[in-house]
Amino acid sequence: MKPTRNRLLVVRLSALGDVAMTIPAIYSLARQHPEVEVCVLTEQKFASLFLEPPANLRLIDYTRQRFSGIGGWWRLCRMLQKEHFAAVADLHNVLRTWLVDAWFIVHGVRTAMLPKRRSERPAILKGKTTAEPFVERYYNVFRRLGYDLQPDFAGFFADQSAAPAANAGKRFRIGLAPFARYTNKTYPITLTEKVIDLLNRRSDTDIYLFGGGKRETDLFRDWQKRFAHVVYISGDKTLADELALMHSLDTMVSMDSANMHLASLTGTRVVSLWGSTTPQCGFLGWKQQPDDALCAALPCQPCTISGSPTCQRKDLACLHAISPDTVVEAIFRQRP
């Protein structure tokens, strides 16, 4: 295989929040190295996340069904080999991407992999160390491949007027995304409803609900009926629409979930709520402030690096310890 000197393969297959975290590094690389064609292998459903892409950025569709099994892996690698990449940046580091890495290493292509540092996890869970932020790890993968790189991503819609400034003195717009993949990362529904009630009492505040699952949809529609200032929008919006709405918010309230990272990319302040995971695990949103990360800091936190279906204590004490009043106070702490 004869590599093309200025073509780089970047691999991050899933999931939504993790793909979102790679964008600051990928966009910084593409804009600082216009001579390089940056090709990102990811699932088609995440393509709309790459808003305002640099001219030298190209997406390659990864369809899990098409490339499943040994035969699928072979087809994928043969397809990628035809692109004659000069280097591979594996920003995922899972079995599926290891096989792609191995293919290119065998063919003499420079390859760098995201360090997951699994050996550090016991010390993180015991509170003895703090993980390097994953956003920074993505930059370092590119640097290991020899690219001089500085973090200069300004966020989506950066060339537009900041929404909070335009909204100064008018209605205060709050986004709320109370759900996450795992129960032990999800703020209890009863407490979320109390937060909504406190916000709804303010005549100058609107609350926009984010979440698209069946359970979320039914609950959000009920809240929209019961609270005058609640708006549920996610059911009929594209991802690009949701990102534009996030940009217009004064503050987003989210769990350690994809919505935290999506709102971060739009330059919107996020008040994040942490349960089984904590910011020390390395997943705080891009350019988010540690003071806006609400965490009870119980002795049992964190109990997992990325989340799990159950609470070891079986009472979700870490989430119940964050009172609705605390959440609302944090929201309005930086009101212009």
Protein backbone atom coordinates (compact mmCIF):
# COMPACT_ATOMS: atom_id res chain seq x y z
CA MET A 1 0.00 0.00 0.00
CA LYS A 2 1.42 3.37 -1.04
CA PRO A 3 0.17 5.99 1.47
CA THR A 4 -1.02 9.42 0.43
CA ARG A 5 1.10 11.81 2.48
CA ASN A 6 -1.72 14.20 3.33
CA ARG A 7 -4.60 11.88 4.17
CA LEU A 8 -5.39 10.96 7.81
CA LEU A 9 -7.94 8.39 9.04
CA VAL A 10 -9.65 9.26 12.34
CA VAL A 11 -11.70 6.46 13.93
CA ARG A 12 -14.48 7.06 16.47
CA LEU A 13 -17.45 4.81 15.81
CA SER A 14 -19.77 5.68 18.72
CA ALA A 15 -21.47 6.83 20.96
CA LEU A 16 -23.07 10.27 20.54
CA GLY A 17 -21.51 11.97 23.56
CA ASP A 18 -18.10 10.41 22.92
CA VAL A 19 -18.14 11.44 19.26
CA ALA A 20 -19.09 14.96 20.36
CA MET A 21 -16.05 15.10 22.65
CA THR A 22 -13.71 14.43 19.71
CA ILE A 23 -14.90 17.42 17.67
CA PRO A 24 -12.77 20.16 19.32
CA ALA A 25 -9.61 18.19 18.54
CA ILE A 26 -10.69 17.09 15.05
CA TYR A 27 -11.78 20.59 13.99
CA SER A 28 -8.63 22.16 15.47
CA LEU A 29 -6.48 19.69 13.55
CA ALA A 30 -8.33 20.20 10.26
CA ARG A 31 -8.21 23.99 10.45
CA GLN A 32 -4.58 24.21 11.52
CA HIS A 33 -3.49 21.70 8.85
CA PRO A 34 -5.47 22.56 5.70
CA GLU A 35 -2.99 20.50 3.66
CA VAL A 36 -4.29 17.32 5.37
CA GLU A 37 -7.50 15.58 4.32
CA VAL A 38 -9.04 14.47 7.61
CA CYS A 39 -11.34 11.47 7.09
CA VAL A 40 -13.52 10.49 10.07
CA LEU A 41 -14.90 6.97 10.25
CA THR A 42 -18.09 7.04 12.33
CA GLU A 43 -21.69 5.86 12.26
CA GLN A 44 -23.94 7.60 9.74
CA LYS A 45 -26.40 8.64 12.44
CA PHE A 46 -23.75 10.94 13.91
CA ALA A 47 -23.01 12.74 10.64
CA SER A 48 -25.34 15.65 11.47
CA LEU A 49 -23.24 16.34 14.57
CA PHE A 50 -20.41 17.64 12.40
CA LEU A 51 -21.79 21.14 11.88
CA GLU A 52 -19.85 23.81 9.97
CA PRO A 53 -17.11 21.31 9.01
CA PRO A 54 -13.73 22.53 7.75
CA ALA A 55 -13.34 22.14 3.98
CA ASN A 56 -10.75 19.38 4.40
CA LEU A 57 -12.94 17.23 6.69
CA ARG A 58 -14.71 14.20 5.19
CA LEU A 59 -16.92 11.61 6.89
CA ILE A 60 -16.76 7.90 6.06
CA ASP A 61 -19.91 5.96 6.88
CA TYR A 62 -19.50 3.07 9.29
CA THR A 63 -22.55 0.78 9.34
CA ARG A 64 -22.28 -1.87 12.02
CA GLN A 65 -24.56 -4.34 10.21
CA ARG A 66 -22.59 -4.03 6.98
CA PHE A 67 -19.23 -4.55 8.67
CA SER A 68 -20.12 -7.13 11.32
CA GLY A 69 -18.12 -10.33 11.83
CA ILE A 70 -14.82 -11.36 10.29
CA GLY A 71 -16.16 -10.87 6.78
CA GLY A 72 -17.35 -7.38 7.62
CA TRP A 73 -14.00 -6.49 9.15
CA TRP A 74 -12.27 -7.68 5.99
CA ARG A 75 -14.58 -5.59 3.77
CA LEU A 76 -14.06 -2.53 5.96
CA CYS A 77 -10.28 -2.77 5.93
CA ARG A 78 -10.17 -3.39 2.18
CA MET A 79 -12.39 -0.36 1.64
CA LEU A 80 -10.20 1.82 3.85
CA GLN A 81 -6.99 0.51 2.27
CA LYS A 82 -8.06 2.00 -1.07
CA GLU A 83 -7.89 5.46 0.52
CA HIS A 84 -4.08 5.15 0.98
CA PHE A 85 -3.96 6.81 4.40
CA ALA A 86 -0.65 8.11 5.68
CA ALA A 87 -1.66 7.69 9.34
CA VAL A 88 -4.46 6.42 11.57
CA ALA A 89 -5.75 8.08 14.76
CA ASP A 90 -7.84 5.62 16.76
CA LEU A 91 -9.94 7.76 19.13
CA HIS A 92 -12.04 4.79 20.28
CA ASN A 93 -9.73 1.96 21.42
CA VAL A 94 -12.11 -1.01 21.41
CA LEU A 95 -11.90 -4.46 19.80
CA ARG A 96 -13.53 -3.31 16.55
CA THR A 97 -10.98 -0.54 16.11
CA TRP A 98 -8.05 -2.68 17.24
CA LEU A 99 -8.62 -4.87 14.19
CA VAL A 100 -8.50 -1.83 11.92
CA ASP A 101 -5.35 -0.61 13.70
CA ALA A 102 -3.71 -4.01 13.27
CA TRP A 103 -4.48 -4.02 9.55
CA PHE A 104 -2.79 -0.68 8.98
CA ILE A 105 0.16 -1.44 11.27
CA VAL A 106 0.85 -4.60 9.26
CA HIS A 107 0.79 -2.46 6.11
CA GLY A 108 3.29 -0.01 7.55
CA VAL A 109 0.95 2.88 8.34
CA ARG A 110 1.64 5.03 11.42
CA THR A 111 -1.08 4.44 14.01
CA ALA A 112 -1.80 6.08 17.36
CA MET A 113 -4.48 4.96 19.79
CA LEU A 114 -6.47 6.79 22.47
CA PRO A 115 -5.01 5.82 25.87
CA LYS A 116 -7.86 4.47 28.00
CA ARG A 117 -5.44 3.94 30.92
CA ARG A 118 -7.51 1.14 32.37
CA SER A 119 -4.82 0.41 34.97
CA GLU A 120 -5.53 3.81 36.57
CA ARG A 121 -9.22 3.12 37.12
CA PRO A 122 -8.93 1.47 40.57
CA ALA A 123 -7.01 4.51 41.86
CA ILE A 124 -9.62 6.87 40.36
CA LEU A 125 -12.45 4.96 42.01
CA LYS A 126 -10.60 5.18 45.34
CA GLY A 127 -10.13 8.93 44.95
CA LYS A 128 -6.34 8.65 44.78
CA THR A 129 -5.92 10.22 41.34
CA THR A 130 -7.79 12.19 38.70
CA ALA A 131 -8.09 11.09 35.09
CA GLU A 132 -6.68 13.24 32.31
CA PRO A 133 -9.69 14.82 30.52
CA PHE A 134 -10.66 12.83 27.45
CA VAL A 135 -10.90 15.99 25.35
CA GLU A 136 -7.19 16.56 25.99
CA ARG A 137 -6.36 12.92 25.25
CA TYR A 138 -7.79 13.31 21.74
CA TYR A 139 -5.43 16.23 21.04
CA ASN A 140 -2.51 14.15 22.28
CA VAL A 141 -3.31 11.27 19.90
CA PHE A 142 -2.83 13.65 16.96
CA ARG A 143 0.32 15.09 18.50
CA ARG A 144 1.80 11.59 18.78
CA LEU A 145 1.33 11.26 15.04
CA GLY A 146 3.50 14.34 14.57
CA TYR A 147 0.89 17.05 14.09
CA ASP A 148 1.65 20.38 15.73
CA LEU A 149 -1.69 21.24 17.32
CA GLN A 150 -3.16 23.89 19.58
CA PRO A 151 -6.72 23.86 20.97
CA ASP A 152 -8.44 26.61 18.97
CA PHE A 153 -11.95 25.25 18.43
CA ALA A 154 -14.32 28.11 19.27
CA GLY A 155 -17.57 26.11 19.31
CA PHE A 156 -20.46 25.85 16.89
CA PHE A 157 -22.15 29.13 15.94
CA ALA A 158 -19.07 31.01 17.18
CA ASP A 159 -19.49 33.62 14.44
CA GLN A 160 -22.97 34.47 15.71
CA SER A 161 -23.85 36.85 18.52
CA ALA A 162 -23.95 35.15 21.91
CA ALA A 163 -27.55 34.27 22.73
CA PRO A 164 -27.41 35.26 26.42
CA ALA A 165 -26.17 38.76 25.54
CA ALA A 166 -28.92 39.18 22.98
CA ASN A 167 -31.44 37.97 25.55
CA ALA A 168 -30.22 40.21 28.38
CA GLY A 169 -33.07 41.73 30.31
CA LYS A 170 -35.61 39.47 28.64
CA ARG A 171 -36.73 35.91 29.32
CA PHE A 172 -34.25 33.50 30.90
CA ARG A 173 -33.98 30.31 28.83
CA ILE A 174 -33.06 27.09 30.65
CA GLY A 175 -32.47 23.73 28.99
CA LEU A 176 -33.06 20.59 31.06
CA ALA A 177 -31.86 17.09 30.15
CA PRO A 178 -32.44 15.01 33.31
CA PHE A 179 -31.93 11.54 31.83
CA ALA A 180 -28.82 9.47 31.11
CA ARG A 181 -28.18 5.96 29.86
CA TYR A 182 -27.80 4.54 33.37
CA THR A 183 -30.05 4.96 36.39
CA ASN A 184 -27.14 5.80 38.65
CA LYS A 185 -26.34 8.78 36.41
CA THR A 186 -29.95 10.03 36.22
CA TYR A 187 -31.35 12.66 38.58
CA PRO A 188 -34.43 11.17 40.34
CA ILE A 189 -37.70 12.12 38.66
CA THR A 190 -39.25 13.43 41.88
CA LEU A 191 -36.34 15.83 42.37
CA THR A 192 -36.34 16.86 38.72
CA GLU A 193 -40.01 17.77 39.02
CA LYS A 194 -39.21 19.93 42.03
CA VAL A 195 -36.54 21.75 40.02
CA ILE A 196 -39.08 22.38 37.27
CA ASP A 197 -41.62 23.61 39.81
CA LEU A 198 -39.11 26.08 41.29
CA LEU A 199 -38.16 27.37 37.85
CA ASN A 200 -41.76 27.51 36.69
CA ARG A 201 -42.63 29.89 39.53
CA ARG A 202 -40.42 32.52 37.91
CA SER A 203 -42.48 34.52 35.45
CA ASP A 204 -39.43 35.43 33.33
CA THR A 205 -38.12 31.88 32.82
CA ASP A 206 -38.77 29.25 30.14
CA ILE A 207 -37.70 25.61 30.53
CA TYR A 208 -36.87 23.51 27.44
CA LEU A 209 -36.83 19.74 27.89
CA PHE A 210 -34.36 17.53 26.00
CA GLY A 211 -34.71 13.75 25.59
CA GLY A 212 -36.26 11.46 23.03
CA GLY A 213 -36.91 8.02 24.54
CA LYS A 214 -40.44 6.68 25.01
CA ARG A 215 -40.30 7.08 28.78
CA GLU A 216 -38.93 10.60 28.50
CA THR A 217 -41.47 11.63 25.86
CA ASP A 218 -44.49 10.61 27.94
CA LEU A 219 -43.12 12.28 31.06
CA PHE A 220 -42.10 15.47 29.27
CA ARG A 221 -45.50 15.84 27.63
CA ASP A 222 -47.11 15.51 31.05
CA TRP A 223 -44.82 18.20 32.48
CA GLN A 224 -45.57 20.45 29.52
CA LYS A 225 -49.28 20.21 30.31
CA ARG A 226 -48.80 20.84 34.01
CA PHE A 227 -46.24 23.65 33.98
CA ALA A 228 -46.92 26.87 32.09
CA HIS A 229 -43.31 27.67 31.21
CA VAL A 230 -42.22 24.19 30.09
CA VAL A 231 -41.62 23.44 26.40
CA TYR A 232 -40.84 19.97 25.05
CA ILE A 233 -39.15 20.22 21.68
CA SER A 234 -36.96 17.17 21.07
CA GLY A 235 -39.56 14.89 19.51
CA ASP A 236 -39.79 16.81 16.23
CA LYS A 237 -36.34 18.37 16.01
CA THR A 238 -33.25 17.24 14.13
CA LEU A 239 -29.91 17.11 15.93
CA ALA A 240 -28.87 20.30 14.14
CA ASP A 241 -32.08 21.98 15.34
CA GLU A 242 -31.40 20.91 18.90
CA LEU A 243 -27.85 22.23 18.76
CA ALA A 244 -29.12 25.58 17.50
CA LEU A 245 -31.63 25.70 20.35
CA MET A 246 -28.93 24.80 22.88
CA HIS A 247 -26.87 27.70 21.57
CA SER A 248 -29.78 30.06 22.28
CA LEU A 249 -30.03 28.98 25.93
CA ASP A 250 -28.70 30.93 28.88
CA THR A 251 -27.88 27.71 30.75
CA MET A 252 -28.24 23.98 30.15
CA VAL A 253 -28.83 21.55 33.03
CA SER A 254 -27.67 18.04 32.25
CA MET A 255 -26.41 14.82 33.72
CA ASP A 256 -23.06 13.28 32.76
CA SER A 257 -24.59 12.44 29.38
CA ALA A 258 -24.49 13.26 25.68
CA ASN A 259 -26.52 16.44 26.16
CA MET A 260 -23.79 17.90 28.37
CA HIS A 261 -21.30 17.47 25.55
CA LEU A 262 -23.69 18.69 22.84
CA ALA A 263 -24.48 21.88 24.75
CA SER A 264 -20.78 22.39 25.44
CA LEU A 265 -20.03 22.38 21.70
CA THR A 266 -22.47 25.25 21.21
CA GLY A 267 -20.66 27.41 23.76
CA THR A 268 -23.53 27.25 26.26
CA ARG A 269 -22.84 27.09 29.98
CA VAL A 270 -23.81 23.73 31.50
CA VAL A 271 -24.76 23.02 35.10
CA SER A 272 -24.00 19.30 35.28
CA LEU A 273 -25.24 16.84 37.93
CA TRP A 274 -23.02 13.89 38.85
CA GLY A 275 -23.91 10.61 40.52
CA SER A 276 -22.03 7.34 40.05
CA THR A 277 -19.43 9.15 37.96
CA THR A 278 -17.64 12.39 38.87
CA PRO A 279 -15.63 14.96 36.87
CA GLN A 280 -12.50 13.21 38.18
CA CYS A 281 -13.28 10.38 35.73
CA GLY A 282 -12.28 12.69 32.86
CA PHE A 283 -15.62 13.35 31.16
CA LEU A 284 -16.41 16.96 32.06
CA GLY A 285 -17.75 18.81 29.02
CA TRP A 286 -15.49 20.85 26.76
CA LYS A 287 -14.63 24.21 28.37
CA GLN A 288 -17.12 23.64 31.21
CA GLN A 289 -16.27 25.04 34.63
CA PRO A 290 -15.65 22.68 37.57
CA ASP A 291 -17.74 24.98 39.80
CA ASP A 292 -20.75 24.24 37.61
CA ALA A 293 -20.38 20.48 38.15
CA LEU A 294 -22.63 19.59 41.10
CA CYS A 295 -21.34 16.55 42.94
CA ALA A 296 -22.08 15.42 46.50
CA ALA A 297 -18.55 14.00 46.86
CA LEU A 298 -19.70 11.07 48.98
CA PRO A 299 -17.06 8.49 50.02
CA CYS A 300 -18.56 6.01 47.54
CA GLN A 301 -18.13 8.40 44.59
CA PRO A 302 -17.18 7.62 41.94
CA CYS A 303 -18.27 4.00 41.91
CA THR A 304 -17.82 3.55 38.15
CA ILE A 305 -15.87 5.28 35.41
CA SER A 306 -18.59 5.58 32.78
CA GLY A 307 -21.79 4.40 34.47
CA SER A 308 -23.53 1.13 35.32
CA PRO A 309 -27.15 -0.10 35.65
CA THR A 310 -27.17 -0.36 39.45
CA CYS A 311 -26.21 1.58 42.56
CA GLN A 312 -23.92 -0.33 44.90
CA ARG A 313 -25.66 1.25 47.91
CA LYS A 314 -29.06 0.72 46.25
CA ASP A 315 -30.29 4.16 47.37
CA LEU A 316 -28.71 6.62 44.87
CA ALA A 317 -27.58 8.72 47.82
CA CYS A 318 -25.16 10.68 45.62
CA LEU A 319 -27.99 12.04 43.48
CA HIS A 320 -30.50 12.54 46.29
CA ALA A 321 -27.85 14.62 48.08
CA ILE A 322 -28.10 17.28 45.34
CA SER A 323 -31.19 19.23 46.37
CA PRO A 324 -33.46 21.00 43.85
CA ASP A 325 -32.69 24.30 45.63
CA THR A 326 -28.98 23.71 45.03
CA VAL A 327 -29.61 23.11 41.33
CA VAL A 328 -31.69 26.27 40.94
CA GLU A 329 -29.15 28.35 42.86
CA ALA A 330 -26.41 27.11 40.54
CA ILE A 331 -28.48 27.94 37.47
CA PHE A 332 -28.91 31.57 38.44
CA ARG A 333 -25.46 32.06 39.96
CA GLN A 334 -24.13 33.54 36.72
CA ARG A 335 -27.22 35.23 35.38
CA PRO A 336 -26.21 38.39 33.50
